[in-house]
Protein backbone atom coordinates (compact mmCIF):
# COMPACT_ATOMS: atom_id res chain seq x y z
CA MET A 1 44.63 45.01 -86.91
CA ALA A 2 42.82 47.18 -84.37
CA ALA A 3 40.20 44.49 -83.77
CA PHE A 4 42.89 41.92 -82.99
CA MET A 5 44.72 44.29 -80.64
CA LEU A 6 41.42 45.05 -78.92
CA ALA A 7 40.75 41.33 -78.58
CA ILE A 8 44.15 40.92 -76.95
CA ALA A 9 43.63 43.86 -74.62
CA LEU A 10 40.11 42.93 -73.60
CA GLY A 11 40.08 39.22 -74.23
CA VAL A 12 43.20 38.09 -72.46
CA ALA A 13 42.95 40.75 -69.80
CA SER A 14 40.24 39.01 -67.84
CA PRO A 15 41.01 35.29 -67.37
CA VAL A 16 40.97 34.04 -63.82
CA THR A 17 44.04 35.66 -62.27
CA ALA A 18 44.13 33.38 -59.22
CA LEU A 19 45.12 30.56 -61.55
CA ALA A 20 47.97 32.65 -62.91
CA GLN A 21 49.43 33.01 -59.45
CA THR A 22 49.71 29.23 -58.94
CA GLY A 23 52.35 28.98 -61.66
CA ALA A 24 50.07 27.34 -64.23
CA ALA A 25 46.67 27.96 -65.70
CA PRO A 26 44.43 25.71 -67.77
CA TYR A 27 44.84 28.06 -70.72
CA ASP A 28 48.65 28.17 -70.62
CA GLU A 29 49.09 26.15 -73.80
CA ARG A 30 46.87 28.55 -75.71
CA LEU A 31 48.49 31.55 -74.06
CA SER A 32 51.92 30.24 -75.01
CA ARG A 33 50.78 29.85 -78.60
CA LEU A 34 49.34 33.37 -78.54
CA SER A 35 52.70 34.64 -77.31
CA GLU A 36 54.43 32.85 -80.18
CA VAL A 37 51.95 34.31 -82.66
CA LEU A 38 52.61 37.82 -81.29
CA GLY A 39 56.35 37.32 -81.78
CA SER A 40 55.80 36.14 -85.35
CA ILE A 41 53.55 39.08 -86.18
CA HIS A 42 56.01 41.49 -84.56
CA TYR A 43 58.82 40.30 -86.82
CA LEU A 44 56.79 40.03 -90.03
CA ARG A 45 54.94 43.35 -89.71
CA ASN A 46 58.19 45.20 -89.11
CA LEU A 47 59.84 43.37 -92.02
CA CYS A 48 56.98 44.36 -94.30
CA GLY A 49 57.14 48.07 -93.52
CA ASP A 50 54.91 48.54 -90.48
CA VAL A 51 57.83 49.53 -88.28
CA SER A 52 56.52 49.70 -84.72
CA ASN A 53 56.60 47.98 -81.39
CA ASP A 54 52.82 47.46 -81.28
CA TRP A 55 53.00 43.68 -81.09
CA ARG A 56 55.80 43.65 -78.55
CA GLU A 57 53.76 46.09 -76.49
CA GLN A 58 50.78 43.74 -76.76
CA MET A 59 52.99 41.01 -75.33
CA GLU A 60 54.05 43.30 -72.51
CA ALA A 61 50.39 44.13 -71.82
CA LEU A 62 49.56 40.43 -71.73
CA LEU A 63 52.34 39.84 -69.18
CA LYS A 64 51.20 42.78 -67.10
CA VAL A 65 47.65 41.48 -66.95
CA GLU A 66 48.63 37.87 -66.30
CA ARG A 67 51.18 38.69 -63.60
CA PRO A 68 52.80 35.29 -64.12
CA ALA A 69 55.21 33.66 -61.69
CA PRO A 70 58.84 34.00 -62.86
CA ASN A 71 59.04 30.56 -64.50
CA ARG A 72 55.73 31.02 -66.28
CA ARG A 73 56.76 34.50 -67.39
CA ALA A 74 59.99 33.10 -68.80
CA ARG A 75 58.05 30.46 -70.75
CA LEU A 76 55.72 33.06 -72.26
CA ILE A 77 58.62 35.31 -73.23
CA SER A 78 60.42 32.31 -74.70
CA SER A 79 57.36 31.58 -76.83
CA PHE A 80 57.28 35.17 -78.10
CA ASN A 81 60.98 34.98 -78.96
CA LYS A 82 60.50 31.61 -80.66
CA GLY A 83 57.85 33.12 -82.93
CA TYR A 84 60.12 36.03 -83.74
CA ARG A 85 63.18 33.86 -84.44
CA THR A 86 61.24 31.38 -86.54
CA PHE A 87 60.59 34.03 -89.17
CA ASP A 88 63.83 35.91 -88.61
CA SER A 89 65.65 32.80 -89.81
CA VAL A 90 63.46 32.43 -92.91
CA TYR A 91 62.60 35.91 -94.22
CA THR A 92 65.10 38.67 -94.80
CA ALA A 93 62.78 40.65 -97.09
CA CYS A 94 59.05 41.10 -97.28
CA THR A 95 57.54 38.65 -99.77
CA PRO A 96 54.00 37.72 -100.75
CA GLN A 97 54.41 34.61 -98.57
CA ALA A 98 55.41 36.77 -95.60
CA LEU A 99 52.30 38.88 -96.09
CA GLU A 100 50.18 35.73 -96.25
CA ALA A 101 51.79 34.54 -93.02
CA VAL A 102 50.90 37.86 -91.36
CA ASP A 103 47.26 37.42 -92.34
CA ALA A 104 47.21 33.82 -91.13
CA TYR A 105 48.82 34.70 -87.81
CA MET A 106 46.53 37.68 -87.29
CA SER A 107 43.54 35.40 -87.75
CA GLU A 108 44.98 32.73 -85.44
CA GLY A 109 45.86 35.32 -82.80
CA LYS A 110 42.38 36.78 -82.82
CA THR A 111 40.86 33.31 -82.52
CA LEU A 112 43.16 32.41 -79.61
CA ALA A 113 42.48 35.65 -77.75
CA LEU A 114 38.74 35.27 -78.10
CA GLU A 115 38.84 31.58 -77.17
CA ILE A 116 40.86 32.25 -74.03
CA ASN A 117 38.47 35.01 -73.06
CA ASN A 118 35.32 33.04 -73.78
CA ARG A 119 36.44 29.90 -71.96
CA TYR A 120 38.37 31.26 -69.00
CA ALA A 121 37.30 34.82 -68.26
CA GLN A 122 35.49 35.56 -65.04
């Protein structure tokens, strides 16, 4: 978990910020998916006993670094909420499948964060 959070903090923290100020960036689709993944992990980790706001705080850190225009910010937050609600509507208790989903989303999130960093960081 710490490696993924570090990838988010360091990886997404350095893409070209001038692009973020124009209202769109070439990595927005990936960033939107990363936001959705963070929302999913936030719900599932809390459901499965890791009660914290770590993943929500990671989303807040991502927004702070990106400094998106209001419409772009709303889209990213909407993606986070979509990820959260997707699992909120399916899982009411922690199950082996929920734990598998956490692992899959952790892996996808790490991959996305590193890809965004490697392709778009200054």
